[in-house]
């Protein structure tokens, strides 16, 4: 029974040690990374929208002429 409690205690100690190793980025880095991600998302939305519109127009022209 003592081995079980010792194992649980050791586990939680190692968790605390690992949590202390976590480092968070600086505010400036978070803002920069967020700006890059949002820009990439907006660019992707625009490109997908343009391709979708072009393909839709092409299919409509093929169906109407066909």
PDB file of N, CA and C in Angstrom:
ATOM      1  N   UNK A   1       0.821  -1.194   0.000  1.00  0.00           N
ATOM      2  CA  UNK A   1       0.000   0.000   0.000  1.00  0.00           C
ATOM      3  C   UNK A   1       0.861   1.253   0.000  1.00  0.00           C
ATOM      4  N   UNK A   2       1.993   1.197   0.721  1.00  0.00           N
ATOM      5  CA  UNK A   2       2.887   2.354   0.767  1.00  0.00           C
ATOM      6  C   UNK A   2       3.493   2.637  -0.605  1.00  0.00           C
ATOM      7  N   UNK A   3       3.710   1.569  -1.390  1.00  0.00           N
ATOM      8  CA  UNK A   3       4.281   1.749  -2.723  1.00  0.00           C
ATOM      9  C   UNK A   3       3.330   2.529  -3.627  1.00  0.00           C
ATOM     10  N   UNK A   4       2.052   2.283  -3.483  1.00  0.00           N
ATOM     11  CA  UNK A   4       1.060   2.981  -4.304  1.00  0.00           C
ATOM     12  C   UNK A   4       1.053   4.464  -3.966  1.00  0.00           C
ATOM     13  N   UNK A   5       1.019   4.782  -2.675  1.00  0.00           N
ATOM     14  CA  UNK A   5       1.021   6.185  -2.267  1.00  0.00           C
ATOM     15  C   UNK A   5       2.329   6.870  -2.646  1.00  0.00           C
ATOM     16  N   UNK A   6       3.441   6.147  -2.556  1.00  0.00           N
ATOM     17  CA  UNK A   6       4.744   6.699  -2.928  1.00  0.00           C
ATOM     18  C   UNK A   6       4.763   7.002  -4.437  1.00  0.00           C
ATOM     19  N   UNK A   7       4.204   6.092  -5.221  1.00  0.00           N
ATOM     20  CA  UNK A   7       4.168   6.292  -6.674  1.00  0.00           C
ATOM     21  C   UNK A   7       3.297   7.495  -7.030  1.00  0.00           C
ATOM     22  N   UNK A   8       2.165   7.619  -6.370  1.00  0.00           N
ATOM     23  CA  UNK A   8       1.274   8.764  -6.625  1.00  0.00           C
ATOM     24  C   UNK A   8       1.957  10.063  -6.225  1.00  0.00           C
ATOM     25  N   UNK A   9       2.600  10.069  -5.084  1.00  0.00           N
ATOM     26  CA  UNK A   9       3.312  11.261  -4.606  1.00  0.00           C
ATOM     27  C   UNK A   9       4.450  11.644  -5.560  1.00  0.00           C
ATOM     28  N   UNK A  10       5.198  10.649  -6.005  1.00  0.00           N
ATOM     29  CA  UNK A  10       6.282  10.910  -6.959  1.00  0.00           C
ATOM     30  C   UNK A  10       5.742  11.473  -8.270  1.00  0.00           C
ATOM     31  N   UNK A  11       4.617  10.948  -8.705  1.00  0.00           N
ATOM     32  CA  UNK A  11       4.007  11.446  -9.941  1.00  0.00           C
ATOM     33  C   UNK A  11       3.665  12.927  -9.813  1.00  0.00           C
ATOM     34  N   UNK A  12       2.992  13.299  -8.737  1.00  0.00           N
ATOM     35  CA  UNK A  12       2.595  14.691  -8.569  1.00  0.00           C
ATOM     36  C   UNK A  12       3.800  15.607  -8.362  1.00  0.00           C
ATOM     37  N   UNK A  13       4.836  15.109  -7.745  1.00  0.00           N
ATOM     38  CA  UNK A  13       6.065  15.901  -7.623  1.00  0.00           C
ATOM     39  C   UNK A  13       6.676  16.162  -8.991  1.00  0.00           C
ATOM     40  N   UNK A  14       6.690  15.143  -9.829  1.00  0.00           N
ATOM     41  CA  UNK A  14       7.251  15.329 -11.172  1.00  0.00           C
ATOM     42  C   UNK A  14       6.374  16.268 -12.008  1.00  0.00           C
ATOM     43  N   UNK A  15       5.070  16.228 -11.783  1.00  0.00           N
ATOM     44  CA  UNK A  15       4.178  17.163 -12.476  1.00  0.00           C
ATOM     45  C   UNK A  15       4.504  18.595 -12.077  1.00  0.00           C
ATOM     46  N   UNK A  16       4.698  18.831 -10.796  1.00  0.00           N
ATOM     47  CA  UNK A  16       5.025  20.175 -10.309  1.00  0.00           C
ATOM     48  C   UNK A  16       6.357  20.636 -10.897  1.00  0.00           C
ATOM     49  N   UNK A  17       7.331  19.749 -10.958  1.00  0.00           N
ATOM     50  CA  UNK A  17       8.637  20.100 -11.529  1.00  0.00           C
ATOM     51  C   UNK A  17       8.478  20.491 -12.998  1.00  0.00           C
ATOM     52  N   UNK A  18       7.699  19.734 -13.745  1.00  0.00           N
ATOM     53  CA  UNK A  18       7.502  20.034 -15.159  1.00  0.00           C
ATOM     54  C   UNK A  18       6.726  21.338 -15.356  1.00  0.00           C
ATOM     55  N   UNK A  19       5.756  21.604 -14.520  1.00  0.00           N
ATOM     56  CA  UNK A  19       4.986  22.840 -14.631  1.00  0.00           C
ATOM     57  C   UNK A  19       5.878  24.052 -14.377  1.00  0.00           C
ATOM     58  N   UNK A  20       6.830  23.926 -13.482  1.00  0.00           N
ATOM     59  CA  UNK A  20       7.750  25.031 -13.207  1.00  0.00           C
ATOM     60  C   UNK A  20       8.659  25.328 -14.396  1.00  0.00           C
ATOM     61  N   UNK A  21       8.840  24.360 -15.291  1.00  0.00           N
ATOM     62  CA  UNK A  21       9.692  24.545 -16.462  1.00  0.00           C
ATOM     63  C   UNK A  21       8.985  25.307 -17.591  1.00  0.00           C
ATOM     64  N   UNK A  22       7.683  25.454 -17.497  1.00  0.00           N
ATOM     65  CA  UNK A  22       6.920  26.122 -18.553  1.00  0.00           C
ATOM     66  C   UNK A  22       7.286  27.597 -18.592  1.00  0.00           C
ATOM     67  N   UNK A  23       7.532  28.079 -19.811  1.00  0.00           N
ATOM     68  CA  UNK A  23       7.788  29.510 -19.979  1.00  0.00           C
ATOM     69  C   UNK A  23       6.815  30.048 -21.023  1.00  0.00           C
ATOM     70  N   UNK A  24       6.224  31.168 -20.733  1.00  0.00           N
ATOM     71  CA  UNK A  24       5.256  31.763 -21.627  1.00  0.00           C
ATOM     72  C   UNK A  24       5.931  32.840 -22.463  1.00  0.00           C
ATOM     73  N   UNK A  25       5.488  33.005 -23.722  1.00  0.00           N
ATOM     74  CA  UNK A  25       6.100  34.026 -24.570  1.00  0.00           C
ATOM     75  C   UNK A  25       5.757  35.432 -24.087  1.00  0.00           C
ATOM     76  N   UNK A  26       6.579  36.375 -24.506  1.00  0.00           N
ATOM     77  CA  UNK A  26       6.347  37.771 -24.154  1.00  0.00           C
ATOM     78  C   UNK A  26       5.126  38.288 -24.900  1.00  0.00           C
ATOM     79  N   UNK A  27       4.552  39.347 -24.396  1.00  0.00           N
ATOM     80  CA  UNK A  27       3.346  39.932 -24.999  1.00  0.00           C
ATOM     81  C   UNK A  27       3.585  40.309 -26.461  1.00  0.00           C
ATOM     82  N   UNK A  28       4.747  40.873 -26.753  1.00  0.00           N
ATOM     83  CA  UNK A  28       5.059  41.280 -28.119  1.00  0.00           C
ATOM     84  C   UNK A  28       5.079  40.065 -29.051  1.00  0.00           C
ATOM     85  N   UNK A  29       5.632  38.964 -28.590  1.00  0.00           N
ATOM     86  CA  UNK A  29       5.686  37.748 -29.402  1.00  0.00           C
ATOM     87  C   UNK A  29       4.289  37.192 -29.658  1.00  0.00           C
ATOM     88  N   UNK A  30       3.437  37.235 -28.664  1.00  0.00           N
ATOM     89  CA  UNK A  30       2.058  36.757 -28.829  1.00  0.00           C
ATOM     90  C   UNK A  30       1.329  37.610 -29.862  1.00  0.00           C
ATOM     91  N   UNK A  31       1.502  38.923 -29.782  1.00  0.00           N
ATOM     92  CA  UNK A  31       0.841  39.824 -30.732  1.00  0.00           C
ATOM     93  C   UNK A  31       1.354  39.570 -32.149  1.00  0.00           C
ATOM     94  N   UNK A  32       2.659  39.415 -32.289  1.00  0.00           N
ATOM     95  CA  UNK A  32       3.242  39.145 -33.611  1.00  0.00           C
ATOM     96  C   UNK A  32       2.727  37.835 -34.186  1.00  0.00           C
ATOM     97  N   UNK A  33       2.757  36.788 -33.390  1.00  0.00           N
ATOM     98  CA  UNK A  33       2.288  35.482 -33.864  1.00  0.00           C
ATOM     99  C   UNK A  33       0.804  35.510 -34.205  1.00  0.00           C
ATOM    100  N   UNK A  34       0.011  36.189 -33.398  1.00  0.00           N
ATOM    101  CA  UNK A  34      -1.421  36.283 -33.654  1.00  0.00           C
ATOM    102  C   UNK A  34      -1.695  37.044 -34.945  1.00  0.00           C
ATOM    103  N   UNK A  35      -0.931  38.098 -35.191  1.00  0.00           N
ATOM    104  CA  UNK A  35      -1.089  38.874 -36.418  1.00  0.00           C
ATOM    105  C   UNK A  35      -0.766  38.023 -37.643  1.00  0.00           C
ATOM    106  N   UNK A  36       0.286  37.236 -37.554  1.00  0.00           N
ATOM    107  CA  UNK A  36       0.657  36.359 -38.669  1.00  0.00           C
ATOM    108  C   UNK A  36      -0.442  35.331 -38.927  1.00  0.00           C
ATOM    109  N   UNK A  37      -0.960  34.735 -37.885  1.00  0.00           N
ATOM    110  CA  UNK A  37      -2.000  33.715 -38.035  1.00  0.00           C
ATOM    111  C   UNK A  37      -3.275  34.322 -38.626  1.00  0.00           C
ATOM    112  N   UNK A  38      -3.702  35.460 -38.095  1.00  0.00           N
ATOM    113  CA  UNK A  38      -4.916  36.098 -38.610  1.00  0.00           C
ATOM    114  C   UNK A  38      -4.744  36.535 -40.063  1.00  0.00           C
ATOM    115  N   UNK A  39      -3.574  37.033 -40.413  1.00  0.00           N
ATOM    116  CA  UNK A  39      -3.314  37.423 -41.799  1.00  0.00           C
ATOM    117  C   UNK A  39      -3.383  36.213 -42.727  1.00  0.00           C
ATOM    118  N   UNK A  40      -2.807  35.116 -42.297  1.00  0.00           N
ATOM    119  CA  UNK A  40      -2.841  33.888 -43.106  1.00  0.00           C
ATOM    120  C   UNK A  40      -4.270  33.381 -43.268  1.00  0.00           C
ATOM    121  N   UNK A  41      -5.071  33.478 -42.229  1.00  0.00           N
ATOM    122  CA  UNK A  41      -6.463  33.038 -42.306  1.00  0.00           C
ATOM    123  C   UNK A  41      -7.243  33.921 -43.271  1.00  0.00           C
ATOM    124  N   UNK A  42      -7.073  35.233 -43.167  1.00  0.00           N
ATOM    125  CA  UNK A  42      -7.788  36.156 -44.052  1.00  0.00           C
ATOM    126  C   UNK A  42      -7.368  35.936 -45.502  1.00  0.00           C
ATOM    127  N   UNK A  43      -6.080  35.772 -45.755  1.00  0.00           N
ATOM    128  CA  UNK A  43      -5.597  35.518 -47.106  1.00  0.00           C
ATOM    129  C   UNK A  43      -6.171  34.209 -47.654  1.00  0.00           C
ATOM    130  N   UNK A  44      -6.208  33.184 -46.823  1.00  0.00           N
ATOM    131  CA  UNK A  44      -6.771  31.895 -47.243  1.00  0.00           C
ATOM    132  C   UNK A  44      -8.248  32.025 -47.587  1.00  0.00           C
ATOM    133  N   UNK A  45      -8.989  32.765 -46.772  1.00  0.00           N
ATOM    134  CA  UNK A  45     -10.417  32.967 -47.030  1.00  0.00           C
ATOM    135  C   UNK A  45     -10.612  33.668 -48.368  1.00  0.00           C
ATOM    136  N   UNK A  46      -9.817  34.706 -48.618  1.00  0.00           N
ATOM    137  CA  UNK A  46      -9.938  35.442 -49.873  1.00  0.00           C
ATOM    138  C   UNK A  46      -9.605  34.560 -51.078  1.00  0.00           C
ATOM    139  N   UNK A  47      -8.527  33.799 -50.981  1.00  0.00           N
ATOM    140  CA  UNK A  47      -8.145  32.928 -52.100  1.00  0.00           C
ATOM    141  C   UNK A  47      -9.187  31.843 -52.360  1.00  0.00           C
ATOM    142  N   UNK A  48      -9.669  31.237 -51.310  1.00  0.00           N
ATOM    143  CA  UNK A  48     -10.689  30.192 -51.476  1.00  0.00           C
ATOM    144  C   UNK A  48     -11.961  30.795 -52.073  1.00  0.00           C
ATOM    145  N   UNK A  49     -12.323  31.998 -51.632  1.00  0.00           N
ATOM    146  CA  UNK A  49     -13.489  32.677 -52.182  1.00  0.00           C
ATOM    147  C   UNK A  49     -13.332  32.986 -53.661  1.00  0.00           C
ATOM    148  N   UNK A  50     -12.147  33.446 -54.044  1.00  0.00           N
ATOM    149  CA  UNK A  50     -11.900  33.735 -55.460  1.00  0.00           C
ATOM    150  C   UNK A  50     -11.954  32.464 -56.302  1.00  0.00           C
ATOM    151  N   UNK A  51     -11.306  31.410 -55.838  1.00  0.00           N
ATOM    152  CA  UNK A  51     -11.345  30.147 -56.574  1.00  0.00           C
ATOM    153  C   UNK A  51     -12.768  29.596 -56.658  1.00  0.00           C
ATOM    154  N   UNK A  52     -13.504  29.684 -55.576  1.00  0.00           N
ATOM    155  CA  UNK A  52     -14.881  29.195 -55.563  1.00  0.00           C
ATOM    156  C   UNK A  52     -15.737  29.982 -56.550  1.00  0.00           C
ATOM    157  N   UNK A  53     -15.588  31.305 -56.545  1.00  0.00           N
ATOM    158  CA  UNK A  53     -16.351  32.127 -57.487  1.00  0.00           C
ATOM    159  C   UNK A  53     -15.996  31.823 -58.923  1.00  0.00           C
ATOM    160  N   UNK A  54     -14.715  31.650 -59.217  1.00  0.00           N
ATOM    161  CA  UNK A  54     -14.280  31.353 -60.580  1.00  0.00           C
ATOM    162  C   UNK A  54     -14.795  29.993 -61.039  1.00  0.00           C
ATOM    163  N   UNK A  55     -14.697  29.008 -60.185  1.00  0.00           N
ATOM    164  CA  UNK A  55     -15.171  27.667 -60.554  1.00  0.00           C
ATOM    165  C   UNK A  55     -16.682  27.658 -60.706  1.00  0.00           C
ATOM    166  N   UNK A  56     -17.396  28.374 -59.833  1.00  0.00           N
ATOM    167  CA  UNK A  56     -18.856  28.448 -59.943  1.00  0.00           C
ATOM    168  C   UNK A  56     -19.262  29.091 -61.259  1.00  0.00           C
ATOM    169  N   UNK A  57     -18.575  30.175 -61.611  1.00  0.00           N
ATOM    170  CA  UNK A  57     -18.888  30.854 -62.865  1.00  0.00           C
ATOM    171  C   UNK A  57     -18.588  29.945 -64.051  1.00  0.00           C
ATOM    172  N   UNK A  58     -17.488  29.220 -63.991  1.00  0.00           N
ATOM    173  CA  UNK A  58     -17.123  28.299 -65.069  1.00  0.00           C
ATOM    174  C   UNK A  58     -18.171  27.195 -65.201  1.00  0.00           C
ATOM    175  N   UNK A  59     -18.605  26.640 -64.100  1.00  0.00           N
ATOM    176  CA  UNK A  59     -19.608  25.556 -64.148  1.00  0.00           C
ATOM    177  C   UNK A  59     -20.936  26.093 -64.660  1.00  0.00           C
ATOM    178  N   UNK A  60     -21.342  27.287 -64.213  1.00  0.00           N
ATOM    179  CA  UNK A  60     -22.595  27.872 -64.719  1.00  0.00           C
ATOM    180  C   UNK A  60     -22.528  28.097 -66.211  1.00  0.00           C
ATOM    181  N   UNK A  61     -21.399  28.577 -66.726  1.00  0.00           N
ATOM    182  CA  UNK A  61     -21.254  28.784 -68.159  1.00  0.00           C
ATOM    183  C   UNK A  61     -21.314  27.471 -68.912  1.00  0.00           C
ATOM    184  N   UNK A  62     -20.719  26.428 -68.356  1.00  0.00           N
ATOM    185  CA  UNK A  62     -20.755  25.117 -69.023  1.00  0.00           C
ATOM    186  C   UNK A  62     -22.159  24.537 -69.034  1.00  0.00           C
ATOM    187  N   UNK A  63     -22.900  24.726 -67.931  1.00  0.00           N
ATOM    188  CA  UNK A  63     -24.257  24.175 -67.854  1.00  0.00           C
ATOM    189  C   UNK A  63     -25.195  24.938 -68.763  1.00  0.00           C
ATOM    190  N   UNK A  64     -25.077  26.266 -68.799  1.00  0.00           N
ATOM    191  CA  UNK A  64     -25.968  27.069 -69.647  1.00  0.00           C
ATOM    192  C   UNK A  64     -25.675  26.810 -71.125  1.00  0.00           C
ATOM    193  N   UNK A  65     -24.419  26.701 -71.514  1.00  0.00           N
ATOM    194  CA  UNK A  65     -24.053  26.455 -72.910  1.00  0.00           C
ATOM    195  C   UNK A  65     -24.290  25.009 -73.305  1.00  0.00           C
ATOM    196  N   UNK A  66     -24.271  24.122 -72.317  1.00  0.00           N
ATOM    197  CA  UNK A  66     -24.389  22.688 -72.588  1.00  0.00           C
ATOM    198  C   UNK A  66     -25.768  22.308 -72.831  1.00  0.00           C
TER     199      UNK A  66
END
